[in-house]
Amino acid sequence: MTRSPAPFPAARMRRLRRTNALRDMVQEHQLGTTDLIWPVFVREGTGVEDPIPSMPGVARLSIDKVVAAAARAADLGIPAICLFPYTDAALRTEACEEAWSPENLTNRAIRAIKAEVPELAVMTDIALDPYNANGHDGFVVEGEIVNDETVAALVKMGLAQAEAGADILGPSDMMDGRIGALRSALEAAGHRDVTILSYAAKFASGFYGPFRDAVGAGTRLVGDKKTYQINPANTAEALTCVARDLDEGADMVMVKPGMPYLDICRAVKDRFGAPTFAYQVSGEYAMLMAAAQNGWLDGDKVMLESLLCFKRAGCDGVLSYFAPRVAALLRA
């Protein structure tokens, strides 16, 4: 229930802004380390940190370095890390069979992290684009991204990740029916406790460019992803997709991208009340980093402000490349 303030001067809104102590006492939303999921890119090799030019400060890491990053995340109080593979070009095929190989990069990284940092939650990505010669999230047949055949492949991919020890599966493909199929397969295989964080409202956005560079899918992409990702103009469609995924067995839902879609975050939380996350995507990160590096913005200030905005919009957590930097600042 809202109320109108007393008329001025009985009510002076600035009274509660006068000191740090007063401002802290009445702050409505808080950002903490447990609100963060850290997306990390994994590649082959040993001792490798391969910088990504379009994402300053972010690198593709070999598995040993990913394990070190996972240990750092746990030390900082970050509850989860999310893995994205940079697959060797020779393993990117139209059949995408590397996606569900028990020995692919993601599955080896899951096992390595769980062996060394078992308390950290490991989230994965479920989509075919890191393994697809065409750069798409699904199989391409005569120029069409086919749905049902892709869903069957995504289920195999998810089961392999669950077998490797993943705690959270993140279907990011936006195929119809994939959450229900995946949930049923997990139950049948005995993986009843594996969590699904669905990319339920993923938009056909222009903010993904640096990410596609990071996983090596950008130069391979033929056409666009508008036939399976949501039109940025559509709110009702996004909410319908969220409702569908929750009905099919998603435990948590995600809005992607983040800051340009705070209205969707708010609507999802208000409408469904489910655990709601947002992905502060590569383009958002790159913009803030570039502005900060040019001295146009205070980097730490806008980083923290941007993440607090997600909490104000109703999000329970955020996937952000800023995660370790933010956690270190919050713990300082």
C-alpha atoms as a PDB file:
ATOM      1  CA  MET A   1       0.000   0.000   0.000  1.00  0.00           C
ATOM      2  CA  THR A   2       1.371   3.438  -0.912  1.00  0.00           C
ATOM      3  CA  ARG A   3       0.653   6.674   0.891  1.00  0.00           C
ATOM      4  CA  SER A   4       1.049  10.315   0.000  1.00  0.00           C
ATOM      5  CA  PRO A   5       3.661  12.217   2.028  1.00  0.00           C
ATOM      6  CA  ALA A   6       2.661  15.067   4.260  1.00  0.00           C
ATOM      7  CA  PRO A   7       2.775  18.457   2.550  1.00  0.00           C
ATOM      8  CA  PHE A   8       6.001  20.445   2.574  1.00  0.00           C
ATOM      9  CA  PRO A   9       7.609  21.396   4.932  1.00  0.00           C
ATOM     10  CA  ALA A  10       6.257  18.670   7.238  1.00  0.00           C
ATOM     11  CA  ALA A  11       7.692  16.222   4.755  1.00  0.00           C
ATOM     12  CA  ARG A  12      11.156  16.959   3.463  1.00  0.00           C
ATOM     13  CA  MET A  13      12.316  14.019   1.352  1.00  0.00           C
ATOM     14  CA  ARG A  14      15.934  15.124   1.743  1.00  0.00           C
ATOM     15  CA  ARG A  15      15.934  14.433   5.492  1.00  0.00           C
ATOM     16  CA  LEU A  16      16.537  10.729   4.891  1.00  0.00           C
ATOM     17  CA  ARG A  17      19.260  11.445   2.312  1.00  0.00           C
ATOM     18  CA  ARG A  18      21.365  13.642   4.624  1.00  0.00           C
ATOM     19  CA  THR A  19      24.012  11.132   5.803  1.00  0.00           C
ATOM     20  CA  ASN A  20      25.386   7.751   4.775  1.00  0.00           C
ATOM     21  CA  ALA A  21      23.872   6.167   7.875  1.00  0.00           C
ATOM     22  CA  LEU A  22      20.390   7.466   7.122  1.00  0.00           C
ATOM     23  CA  ARG A  23      20.617   6.518   3.461  1.00  0.00           C
ATOM     24  CA  ASP A  24      21.715   2.984   4.364  1.00  0.00           C
ATOM     25  CA  MET A  25      18.890   2.598   6.877  1.00  0.00           C
ATOM     26  CA  VAL A  26      16.170   3.275   4.296  1.00  0.00           C
ATOM     27  CA  GLN A  27      17.744   1.681   1.224  1.00  0.00           C
ATOM     28  CA  GLU A  28      15.065  -0.461  -0.396  1.00  0.00           C
ATOM     29  CA  HIS A  29      17.211  -2.932  -2.343  1.00  0.00           C
ATOM     30  CA  GLN A  30      20.582  -4.533  -1.634  1.00  0.00           C
ATOM     31  CA  LEU A  31      23.185  -6.117  -3.903  1.00  0.00           C
ATOM     32  CA  GLY A  32      25.180  -8.994  -2.428  1.00  0.00           C
ATOM     33  CA  THR A  33      27.699 -11.566  -3.631  1.00  0.00           C
ATOM     34  CA  THR A  34      25.042 -14.288  -3.494  1.00  0.00           C
ATOM     35  CA  ASP A  35      23.130 -12.436  -6.225  1.00  0.00           C
ATOM     36  CA  LEU A  36      25.868 -13.223  -8.750  1.00  0.00           C
ATOM     37  CA  ILE A  37      26.552 -15.966 -11.295  1.00  0.00           C
ATOM     38  CA  TRP A  38      29.897 -15.684 -13.090  1.00  0.00           C
ATOM     39  CA  PRO A  39      29.912 -16.669 -16.818  1.00  0.00           C
ATOM     40  CA  VAL A  40      33.292 -18.151 -17.822  1.00  0.00           C
ATOM     41  CA  PHE A  41      34.603 -19.219 -21.227  1.00  0.00           C
ATOM     42  CA  VAL A  42      36.558 -22.485 -21.414  1.00  0.00           C
ATOM     43  CA  ARG A  43      38.973 -23.617 -24.128  1.00  0.00           C
ATOM     44  CA  GLU A  44      41.512 -26.378 -24.754  1.00  0.00           C
ATOM     45  CA  GLY A  45      45.073 -26.252 -23.479  1.00  0.00           C
ATOM     46  CA  THR A  46      46.888 -25.921 -20.198  1.00  0.00           C
ATOM     47  CA  GLY A  47      47.809 -22.695 -18.455  1.00  0.00           C
ATOM     48  CA  VAL A  48      45.993 -20.662 -21.123  1.00  0.00           C
ATOM     49  CA  GLU A  49      44.366 -17.260 -20.636  1.00  0.00           C
ATOM     50  CA  ASP A  50      43.287 -16.061 -24.078  1.00  0.00           C
ATOM     51  CA  PRO A  51      42.007 -12.449 -23.931  1.00  0.00           C
ATOM     52  CA  ILE A  52      38.816 -11.605 -25.820  1.00  0.00           C
ATOM     53  CA  PRO A  53      39.358  -8.213 -27.508  1.00  0.00           C
ATOM     54  CA  SER A  54      35.675  -7.254 -27.599  1.00  0.00           C
ATOM     55  CA  MET A  55      35.310  -8.024 -23.878  1.00  0.00           C
ATOM     56  CA  PRO A  56      38.139  -6.213 -22.064  1.00  0.00           C
ATOM     57  CA  GLY A  57      39.218  -8.051 -18.945  1.00  0.00           C
ATOM     58  CA  VAL A  58      37.587 -11.346 -20.006  1.00  0.00           C
ATOM     59  CA  ALA A  59      39.552 -14.311 -21.375  1.00  0.00           C
ATOM     60  CA  ARG A  60      38.976 -17.837 -22.602  1.00  0.00           C
ATOM     61  CA  LEU A  61      40.492 -20.125 -19.975  1.00  0.00           C
ATOM     62  CA  SER A  62      41.903 -23.620 -20.161  1.00  0.00           C
ATOM     63  CA  ILE A  63      40.320 -26.090 -17.755  1.00  0.00           C
ATOM     64  CA  ASP A  64      43.035 -25.715 -15.110  1.00  0.00           C
ATOM     65  CA  LYS A  65      42.496 -21.951 -15.169  1.00  0.00           C
ATOM     66  CA  VAL A  66      38.719 -22.440 -14.991  1.00  0.00           C
ATOM     67  CA  VAL A  67      39.205 -24.526 -11.857  1.00  0.00           C
ATOM     68  CA  ALA A  68      41.294 -21.697 -10.396  1.00  0.00           C
ATOM     69  CA  ALA A  69      38.531 -19.241 -11.323  1.00  0.00           C
ATOM     70  CA  ALA A  70      35.983 -21.495  -9.631  1.00  0.00           C
ATOM     71  CA  ALA A  71      38.073 -21.530  -6.448  1.00  0.00           C
ATOM     72  CA  ARG A  72      38.295 -17.744  -6.602  1.00  0.00           C
ATOM     73  CA  ALA A  73      34.520 -17.502  -7.021  1.00  0.00           C
ATOM     74  CA  ALA A  74      33.954 -19.674  -3.964  1.00  0.00           C
ATOM     75  CA  ASP A  75      36.429 -17.617  -1.922  1.00  0.00           C
ATOM     76  CA  LEU A  76      34.575 -14.432  -2.922  1.00  0.00           C
ATOM     77  CA  GLY A  77      31.208 -15.852  -1.910  1.00  0.00           C
ATOM     78  CA  ILE A  78      29.877 -16.171  -5.478  1.00  0.00           C
ATOM     79  CA  PRO A  79      27.527 -19.179  -5.408  1.00  0.00           C
ATOM     80  CA  ALA A  80      27.688 -20.304  -9.045  1.00  0.00           C
ATOM     81  CA  ILE A  81      29.815 -20.277 -12.168  1.00  0.00           C
ATOM     82  CA  CYS A  82      28.420 -20.782 -15.694  1.00  0.00           C
ATOM     83  CA  LEU A  83      30.483 -22.502 -18.405  1.00  0.00           C
ATOM     84  CA  PHE A  84      30.575 -21.627 -22.108  1.00  0.00           C
ATOM     85  CA  PRO A  85      32.889 -23.606 -24.413  1.00  0.00           C
ATOM     86  CA  TYR A  86      35.124 -22.346 -27.213  1.00  0.00           C
ATOM     87  CA  THR A  87      35.096 -25.496 -29.295  1.00  0.00           C
ATOM     88  CA  ASP A  88      37.869 -26.404 -31.709  1.00  0.00           C
ATOM     89  CA  ALA A  89      36.916 -25.678 -35.327  1.00  0.00           C
ATOM     90  CA  ALA A  90      37.402 -29.320 -36.322  1.00  0.00           C
ATOM     91  CA  LEU A  91      34.666 -30.345 -33.873  1.00  0.00           C
ATOM     92  CA  ARG A  92      32.051 -27.922 -35.225  1.00  0.00           C
ATOM     93  CA  THR A  93      29.864 -29.924 -37.574  1.00  0.00           C
ATOM     94  CA  GLU A  94      26.344 -29.835 -38.961  1.00  0.00           C
ATOM     95  CA  ALA A  95      25.527 -32.924 -36.870  1.00  0.00           C
ATOM     96  CA  CYS A  96      26.780 -31.202 -33.659  1.00  0.00           C
ATOM     97  CA  GLU A  97      27.670 -34.554 -32.101  1.00  0.00           C
ATOM     98  CA  GLU A  98      30.341 -32.981 -29.875  1.00  0.00           C
ATOM     99  CA  ALA A  99      27.517 -31.252 -27.958  1.00  0.00           C
ATOM    100  CA  TRP A 100      26.654 -34.416 -26.027  1.00  0.00           C
ATOM    101  CA  SER A 101      30.070 -36.069 -25.912  1.00  0.00           C
ATOM    102  CA  PRO A 102      30.975 -36.983 -22.311  1.00  0.00           C
ATOM    103  CA  GLU A 103      34.488 -35.722 -23.062  1.00  0.00           C
ATOM    104  CA  ASN A 104      33.642 -32.333 -24.532  1.00  0.00           C
ATOM    105  CA  LEU A 105      35.111 -29.199 -22.990  1.00  0.00           C
ATOM    106  CA  THR A 106      32.129 -28.390 -20.822  1.00  0.00           C
ATOM    107  CA  ASN A 107      31.779 -31.855 -19.341  1.00  0.00           C
ATOM    108  CA  ARG A 108      35.487 -32.162 -18.560  1.00  0.00           C
ATOM    109  CA  ALA A 109      35.400 -28.722 -16.946  1.00  0.00           C
ATOM    110  CA  ILE A 110      32.371 -29.681 -14.818  1.00  0.00           C
ATOM    111  CA  ARG A 111      34.156 -32.752 -13.465  1.00  0.00           C
ATOM    112  CA  ALA A 112      37.358 -30.816 -12.804  1.00  0.00           C
ATOM    113  CA  ILE A 113      35.532 -28.076 -10.887  1.00  0.00           C
ATOM    114  CA  LYS A 114      33.470 -30.536  -8.854  1.00  0.00           C
ATOM    115  CA  ALA A 115      36.625 -32.439  -7.910  1.00  0.00           C
ATOM    116  CA  GLU A 116      38.311 -29.315  -6.528  1.00  0.00           C
ATOM    117  CA  VAL A 117      35.488 -26.938  -5.516  1.00  0.00           C
ATOM    118  CA  PRO A 118      32.505 -29.204  -4.807  1.00  0.00           C
ATOM    119  CA  GLU A 119      30.595 -26.557  -2.871  1.00  0.00           C
ATOM    120  CA  LEU A 120      30.352 -24.235  -5.900  1.00  0.00           C
ATOM    121  CA  ALA A 121      27.262 -24.641  -8.090  1.00  0.00           C
ATOM    122  CA  VAL A 122      28.140 -25.294 -11.733  1.00  0.00           C
ATOM    123  CA  MET A 123      25.739 -24.053 -14.392  1.00  0.00           C
ATOM    124  CA  THR A 124      25.955 -25.002 -18.049  1.00  0.00           C
ATOM    125  CA  ASP A 125      24.635 -23.763 -21.366  1.00  0.00           C
ATOM    126  CA  ILE A 126      22.363 -25.942 -23.501  1.00  0.00           C
ATOM    127  CA  ALA A 127      22.341 -24.865 -27.151  1.00  0.00           C
ATOM    128  CA  LEU A 128      24.051 -26.188 -30.260  1.00  0.00           C
ATOM    129  CA  ASP A 129      25.759 -22.983 -31.446  1.00  0.00           C
ATOM    130  CA  PRO A 130      29.221 -23.712 -29.935  1.00  0.00           C
ATOM    131  CA  TYR A 131      29.266 -27.022 -31.829  1.00  0.00           C
ATOM    132  CA  ASN A 132      27.373 -26.091 -34.995  1.00  0.00           C
ATOM    133  CA  ALA A 133      29.139 -25.449 -38.297  1.00  0.00           C
ATOM    134  CA  ASN A 134      26.296 -23.020 -39.058  1.00  0.00           C
ATOM    135  CA  GLY A 135      26.544 -21.049 -35.795  1.00  0.00           C
ATOM    136  CA  HIS A 136      22.875 -21.642 -34.926  1.00  0.00           C
ATOM    137  CA  ASP A 137      21.370 -22.919 -31.674  1.00  0.00           C
ATOM    138  CA  GLY A 138      19.616 -25.701 -33.549  1.00  0.00           C
ATOM    139  CA  PHE A 139      20.042 -27.998 -36.519  1.00  0.00           C
ATOM    140  CA  VAL A 140      19.806 -26.303 -39.904  1.00  0.00           C
ATOM    141  CA  VAL A 141      17.967 -28.278 -42.595  1.00  0.00           C
ATOM    142  CA  GLU A 142      17.599 -26.636 -46.018  1.00  0.00           C
ATOM    143  CA  GLY A 143      17.960 -23.217 -44.438  1.00  0.00           C
ATOM    144  CA  GLU A 144      15.419 -23.847 -41.660  1.00  0.00           C
ATOM    145  CA  ILE A 145      16.286 -24.228 -37.969  1.00  0.00           C
ATOM    146  CA  VAL A 146      14.281 -27.346 -37.172  1.00  0.00           C
ATOM    147  CA  ASN A 147      12.647 -27.592 -33.762  1.00  0.00           C
ATOM    148  CA  ASP A 148      11.846 -31.161 -32.762  1.00  0.00           C
ATOM    149  CA  GLU A 149      15.089 -32.721 -34.012  1.00  0.00           C
ATOM    150  CA  THR A 150      16.983 -30.015 -32.132  1.00  0.00           C
ATOM    151  CA  VAL A 151      15.068 -30.684 -28.908  1.00  0.00           C
ATOM    152  CA  ALA A 152      16.073 -34.370 -29.054  1.00  0.00           C
ATOM    153  CA  ALA A 153      19.720 -33.330 -29.378  1.00  0.00           C
ATOM    154  CA  LEU A 154      19.430 -30.813 -26.536  1.00  0.00           C
ATOM    155  CA  VAL A 155      18.079 -33.532 -24.263  1.00  0.00           C
ATOM    156  CA  LYS A 156      21.145 -35.667 -24.975  1.00  0.00           C
ATOM    157  CA  MET A 157      23.332 -32.651 -24.286  1.00  0.00           C
ATOM    158  CA  GLY A 158      21.602 -31.937 -20.980  1.00  0.00           C
ATOM    159  CA  LEU A 159      21.810 -35.558 -19.834  1.00  0.00           C
ATOM    160  CA  ALA A 160      25.548 -35.636 -20.541  1.00  0.00           C
ATOM    161  CA  GLN A 161      26.020 -32.470 -18.485  1.00  0.00           C
ATOM    162  CA  ALA A 162      23.959 -33.886 -15.632  1.00  0.00           C
ATOM    163  CA  GLU A 163      26.028 -37.077 -15.698  1.00  0.00           C
ATOM    164  CA  ALA A 164      29.179 -34.946 -15.491  1.00  0.00           C
ATOM    165  CA  GLY A 165      27.882 -33.334 -12.292  1.00  0.00           C
ATOM    166  CA  ALA A 166      26.244 -30.066 -13.368  1.00  0.00           C
ATOM    167  CA  ASP A 167      23.988 -28.517 -10.751  1.00  0.00           C
ATOM    168  CA  ILE A 168      22.074 -26.113 -13.015  1.00  0.00           C
ATOM    169  CA  LEU A 169      21.215 -26.615 -16.678  1.00  0.00           C
ATOM    170  CA  GLY A 170      20.633 -23.470 -18.713  1.00  0.00           C
ATOM    171  CA  PRO A 171      18.706 -24.143 -21.941  1.00  0.00           C
ATOM    172  CA  SER A 172      19.377 -21.015 -24.031  1.00  0.00           C
ATOM    173  CA  ASP A 173      18.201 -22.285 -27.408  1.00  0.00           C
ATOM    174  CA  MET A 174      14.556 -21.071 -27.381  1.00  0.00           C
ATOM    175  CA  MET A 175      13.212 -24.156 -29.132  1.00  0.00           C
ATOM    176  CA  ASP A 176       9.573 -24.990 -28.363  1.00  0.00           C
ATOM    177  CA  GLY A 177       9.034 -27.823 -25.877  1.00  0.00           C
ATOM    178  CA  ARG A 178      12.615 -28.268 -24.795  1.00  0.00           C
ATOM    179  CA  ILE A 179      11.997 -27.693 -21.062  1.00  0.00           C
ATOM    180  CA  GLY A 180       9.344 -30.397 -20.827  1.00  0.00           C
ATOM    181  CA  ALA A 181      11.443 -32.862 -22.810  1.00  0.00           C
ATOM    182  CA  LEU A 182      14.524 -32.150 -20.725  1.00  0.00           C
ATOM    183  CA  ARG A 183      12.680 -32.384 -17.401  1.00  0.00           C
ATOM    184  CA  SER A 184      11.121 -35.718 -18.361  1.00  0.00           C
ATOM    185  CA  ALA A 185      14.486 -37.124 -19.450  1.00  0.00           C
ATOM    186  CA  LEU A 186      16.204 -35.976 -16.255  1.00  0.00           C
ATOM    187  CA  GLU A 187      13.512 -37.618 -14.119  1.00  0.00           C
ATOM    188  CA  ALA A 188      13.729 -40.861 -16.102  1.00  0.00           C
ATOM    189  CA  ALA A 189      17.532 -40.933 -15.795  1.00  0.00           C
ATOM    190  CA  GLY A 190      17.493 -40.393 -12.039  1.00  0.00           C
ATOM    191  CA  HIS A 191      18.674 -36.771 -12.134  1.00  0.00           C
ATOM    192  CA  ARG A 192      15.697 -35.564 -10.133  1.00  0.00           C
ATOM    193  CA  ASP A 193      17.582 -32.873  -8.261  1.00  0.00           C
ATOM    194  CA  VAL A 194      19.252 -31.194 -11.256  1.00  0.00           C
ATOM    195  CA  THR A 195      17.912 -27.659 -11.562  1.00  0.00           C
ATOM    196  CA  ILE A 196      16.751 -26.012 -14.797  1.00  0.00           C
ATOM    197  CA  LEU A 197      17.316 -22.265 -15.133  1.00  0.00           C
ATOM    198  CA  SER A 198      15.543 -21.628 -18.409  1.00  0.00           C
ATOM    199  CA  TYR A 199      16.432 -18.777 -20.731  1.00  0.00           C
ATOM    200  CA  ALA A 200      12.681 -18.335 -20.936  1.00  0.00           C
ATOM    201  CA  ALA A 201      12.586 -14.795 -22.343  1.00  0.00           C
ATOM    202  CA  LYS A 202      15.570 -14.571 -24.673  1.00  0.00           C
ATOM    203  CA  PHE A 203      15.279 -11.828 -27.253  1.00  0.00           C
ATOM    204  CA  ALA A 204      16.722 -11.577 -30.778  1.00  0.00           C
ATOM    205  CA  SER A 205      19.039  -8.840 -29.605  1.00  0.00           C
ATOM    206  CA  GLY A 206      21.932  -6.936 -31.105  1.00  0.00           C
ATOM    207  CA  PHE A 207      23.753  -7.046 -27.743  1.00  0.00           C
ATOM    208  CA  TYR A 208      25.205 -10.551 -28.193  1.00  0.00           C
ATOM    209  CA  GLY A 209      28.039  -9.731 -30.595  1.00  0.00           C
ATOM    210  CA  PRO A 210      31.018  -9.992 -28.221  1.00  0.00           C
ATOM    211  CA  PHE A 211      29.718 -13.281 -26.811  1.00  0.00           C
ATOM    212  CA  ARG A 212      29.604 -14.786 -30.278  1.00  0.00           C
ATOM    213  CA  ASP A 213      33.219 -13.706 -30.711  1.00  0.00           C
ATOM    214  CA  ALA A 214      34.064 -15.360 -27.389  1.00  0.00           C
ATOM    215  CA  VAL A 215      32.630 -18.775 -28.318  1.00  0.00           C
ATOM    216  CA  GLY A 216      33.692 -18.558 -31.959  1.00  0.00           C
ATOM    217  CA  ALA A 217      30.157 -18.638 -33.384  1.00  0.00           C
ATOM    218  CA  GLY A 218      29.955 -15.124 -34.808  1.00  0.00           C
ATOM    219  CA  THR A 219      31.789 -15.684 -38.082  1.00  0.00           C
ATOM    220  CA  ARG A 220      29.954 -18.982 -38.649  1.00  0.00           C
ATOM    221  CA  LEU A 221      26.437 -17.672 -38.217  1.00  0.00           C
ATOM    222  CA  VAL A 222      24.461 -17.863 -41.447  1.00  0.00           C
ATOM    223  CA  GLY A 223      21.435 -15.553 -41.341  1.00  0.00           C
ATOM    224  CA  ASP A 224      20.005 -14.555 -37.961  1.00  0.00           C
ATOM    225  CA  LYS A 225      18.143 -16.085 -35.016  1.00  0.00           C
ATOM    226  CA  LYS A 226      14.833 -14.283 -35.385  1.00  0.00           C
ATOM    227  CA  THR A 227      12.843 -17.436 -36.110  1.00  0.00           C
ATOM    228  CA  TYR A 228      13.440 -18.769 -32.597  1.00  0.00           C
ATOM    229  CA  GLN A 229      14.387 -15.833 -30.370  1.00  0.00           C
ATOM    230  CA  ILE A 230      11.743 -13.289 -29.264  1.00  0.00           C
ATOM    231  CA  ASN A 231      11.094 -10.029 -31.115  1.00  0.00           C
ATOM    232  CA  PRO A 232      12.456  -7.198 -28.899  1.00  0.00           C
ATOM    233  CA  ALA A 233       9.144  -5.372 -29.406  1.00  0.00           C
ATOM    234  CA  ASN A 234       7.056  -8.105 -27.734  1.00  0.00           C
ATOM    235  CA  THR A 235       6.164  -8.195 -24.037  1.00  0.00           C
ATOM    236  CA  ALA A 236       3.117 -10.492 -24.057  1.00  0.00           C
ATOM    237  CA  GLU A 237       4.980 -13.106 -26.089  1.00  0.00           C
ATOM    238  CA  ALA A 238       7.854 -13.076 -23.599  1.00  0.00           C
ATOM    239  CA  LEU A 239       5.480 -13.611 -20.679  1.00  0.00           C
ATOM    240  CA  THR A 240       3.802 -16.462 -22.515  1.00  0.00           C
ATOM    241  CA  CYS A 241       7.188 -18.115 -23.026  1.00  0.00           C
ATOM    242  CA  VAL A 242       7.967 -17.779 -19.317  1.00  0.00           C
ATOM    243  CA  ALA A 243       4.597 -19.282 -18.363  1.00  0.00           C
ATOM    244  CA  ARG A 244       5.167 -22.192 -20.734  1.00  0.00           C
ATOM    245  CA  ASP A 245       8.639 -22.986 -19.372  1.00  0.00           C
ATOM    246  CA  LEU A 246       7.437 -22.886 -15.760  1.00  0.00           C
ATOM    247  CA  ASP A 247       4.531 -25.159 -16.645  1.00  0.00           C
ATOM    248  CA  GLU A 248       6.965 -27.590 -18.299  1.00  0.00           C
ATOM    249  CA  GLY A 249       9.193 -27.866 -15.240  1.00  0.00           C
ATOM    250  CA  ALA A 250      11.684 -24.990 -15.165  1.00  0.00           C
ATOM    251  CA  ASP A 251      12.756 -24.220 -11.599  1.00  0.00           C
ATOM    252  CA  MET A 252      14.014 -20.720 -12.408  1.00  0.00           C
ATOM    253  CA  VAL A 253      13.681 -18.388 -15.382  1.00  0.00           C
ATOM    254  CA  MET A 254      15.913 -15.856 -17.064  1.00  0.00           C
ATOM    255  CA  VAL A 255      15.472 -12.679 -19.081  1.00  0.00           C
ATOM    256  CA  LYS A 256      18.170 -11.989 -21.670  1.00  0.00           C
ATOM    257  CA  PRO A 257      19.538  -9.356 -22.344  1.00  0.00           C
ATOM    258  CA  GLY A 258      19.417  -7.510 -19.057  1.00  0.00           C
ATOM    259  CA  MET A 259      19.347  -3.737 -18.695  1.00  0.00           C
ATOM    260  CA  PRO A 260      17.413  -2.972 -21.920  1.00  0.00           C
ATOM    261  CA  TYR A 261      14.762  -5.424 -20.665  1.00  0.00           C
ATOM    262  CA  LEU A 262      14.275  -4.402 -17.035  1.00  0.00           C
ATOM    263  CA  ASP A 263      10.571  -3.935 -17.748  1.00  0.00           C
ATOM    264  CA  ILE A 264      10.376  -7.625 -18.689  1.00  0.00           C
ATOM    265  CA  CYS A 265      12.230  -8.604 -15.497  1.00  0.00           C
ATOM    266  CA  ARG A 266       9.713  -6.661 -13.423  1.00  0.00           C
ATOM    267  CA  ALA A 267       6.739  -8.117 -15.293  1.00  0.00           C
ATOM    268  CA  VAL A 268       8.038 -11.688 -14.935  1.00  0.00           C
ATOM    269  CA  LYS A 269       8.601 -11.356 -11.196  1.00  0.00           C
ATOM    270  CA  ASP A 270       5.265  -9.656 -10.599  1.00  0.00           C
ATOM    271  CA  ARG A 271       3.312 -12.091 -12.765  1.00  0.00           C
ATOM    272  CA  PHE A 272       4.854 -15.415 -11.720  1.00  0.00           C
ATOM    273  CA  GLY A 273       6.795 -14.893  -8.490  1.00  0.00           C
ATOM    274  CA  ALA A 274       9.286 -17.554  -9.594  1.00  0.00           C
ATOM    275  CA  PRO A 275      13.039 -17.186  -9.056  1.00  0.00           C
ATOM    276  CA  THR A 276      13.919 -14.667 -11.761  1.00  0.00           C
ATOM    277  CA  PHE A 277      17.365 -13.986 -13.177  1.00  0.00           C
ATOM    278  CA  ALA A 278      18.761 -11.705 -15.845  1.00  0.00           C
ATOM    279  CA  TYR A 279      21.857 -11.975 -17.993  1.00  0.00           C
ATOM    280  CA  GLN A 280      23.913  -8.800 -18.214  1.00  0.00           C
ATOM    281  CA  VAL A 281      25.136  -9.807 -21.642  1.00  0.00           C
ATOM    282  CA  SER A 282      28.423  -9.270 -23.417  1.00  0.00           C
ATOM    283  CA  GLY A 283      27.295  -6.135 -25.255  1.00  0.00           C
ATOM    284  CA  GLU A 284      26.204  -4.489 -22.016  1.00  0.00           C
ATOM    285  CA  TYR A 285      29.513  -5.379 -20.391  1.00  0.00           C
ATOM    286  CA  ALA A 286      31.539  -4.194 -23.384  1.00  0.00           C
ATOM    287  CA  MET A 287      29.753  -0.818 -23.500  1.00  0.00           C
ATOM    288  CA  LEU A 288      30.363  -0.082 -19.835  1.00  0.00           C
ATOM    289  CA  MET A 289      33.973  -1.240 -20.012  1.00  0.00           C
ATOM    290  CA  ALA A 290      34.715   0.820 -23.132  1.00  0.00           C
ATOM    291  CA  ALA A 291      33.217   3.949 -21.600  1.00  0.00           C
ATOM    292  CA  ALA A 292      35.144   3.419 -18.377  1.00  0.00           C
ATOM    293  CA  GLN A 293      38.420   2.804 -20.207  1.00  0.00           C
ATOM    294  CA  ASN A 294      37.935   6.051 -22.107  1.00  0.00           C
ATOM    295  CA  GLY A 295      37.299   7.945 -18.891  1.00  0.00           C
ATOM    296  CA  TRP A 296      33.713   8.756 -19.862  1.00  0.00           C
ATOM    297  CA  LEU A 297      32.193   6.904 -16.892  1.00  0.00           C
ATOM    298  CA  ASP A 298      33.301   5.874 -13.415  1.00  0.00           C
ATOM    299  CA  GLY A 299      33.694   2.146 -14.027  1.00  0.00           C
ATOM    300  CA  ASP A 300      33.095   0.847 -10.506  1.00  0.00           C
ATOM    301  CA  LYS A 301      30.174   3.179  -9.924  1.00  0.00           C
ATOM    302  CA  VAL A 302      28.248   2.270 -13.084  1.00  0.00           C
ATOM    303  CA  MET A 303      29.061  -1.420 -12.659  1.00  0.00           C
ATOM    304  CA  LEU A 304      27.513  -1.502  -9.187  1.00  0.00           C
ATOM    305  CA  GLU A 305      24.620   0.726 -10.208  1.00  0.00           C
ATOM    306  CA  SER A 306      23.793  -1.436 -13.202  1.00  0.00           C
ATOM    307  CA  LEU A 307      23.607  -4.575 -11.059  1.00  0.00           C
ATOM    308  CA  LEU A 308      21.558  -2.895  -8.343  1.00  0.00           C
ATOM    309  CA  CYS A 309      19.045  -1.945 -11.042  1.00  0.00           C
ATOM    310  CA  PHE A 310      18.392  -5.643 -11.660  1.00  0.00           C
ATOM    311  CA  LYS A 311      17.528  -6.144  -8.000  1.00  0.00           C
ATOM    312  CA  ARG A 312      15.193  -3.133  -8.088  1.00  0.00           C
ATOM    313  CA  ALA A 313      13.484  -4.623 -11.139  1.00  0.00           C
ATOM    314  CA  GLY A 314      12.714  -7.804  -9.207  1.00  0.00           C
ATOM    315  CA  CYS A 315      15.599 -10.099 -10.133  1.00  0.00           C
ATOM    316  CA  ASP A 316      16.833 -12.649  -7.624  1.00  0.00           C
ATOM    317  CA  GLY A 317      20.218 -12.797  -9.315  1.00  0.00           C
ATOM    318  CA  VAL A 318      22.286 -11.766 -12.321  1.00  0.00           C
ATOM    319  CA  LEU A 319      24.733 -13.466 -14.648  1.00  0.00           C
ATOM    320  CA  SER A 320      27.496 -10.901 -15.087  1.00  0.00           C
ATOM    321  CA  TYR A 321      31.080 -10.839 -16.315  1.00  0.00           C
ATOM    322  CA  PHE A 322      31.633  -8.255 -13.596  1.00  0.00           C
ATOM    323  CA  ALA A 323      30.907 -10.870 -10.903  1.00  0.00           C
ATOM    324  CA  PRO A 324      34.395 -11.326  -9.383  1.00  0.00           C
ATOM    325  CA  ARG A 325      35.157  -7.612  -9.508  1.00  0.00           C
ATOM    326  CA  VAL A 326      31.828  -6.765  -7.883  1.00  0.00           C
ATOM    327  CA  ALA A 327      32.234  -9.453  -5.212  1.00  0.00           C
ATOM    328  CA  ALA A 328      35.672  -8.160  -4.323  1.00  0.00           C
ATOM    329  CA  LEU A 329      34.325  -4.614  -3.960  1.00  0.00           C
ATOM    330  CA  LEU A 330      31.366  -5.753  -1.849  1.00  0.00           C
ATOM    331  CA  ARG A 331      33.662  -7.667   0.485  1.00  0.00           C
ATOM    332  CA  ALA A 332      36.229  -4.889   0.805  1.00  0.00           C
END
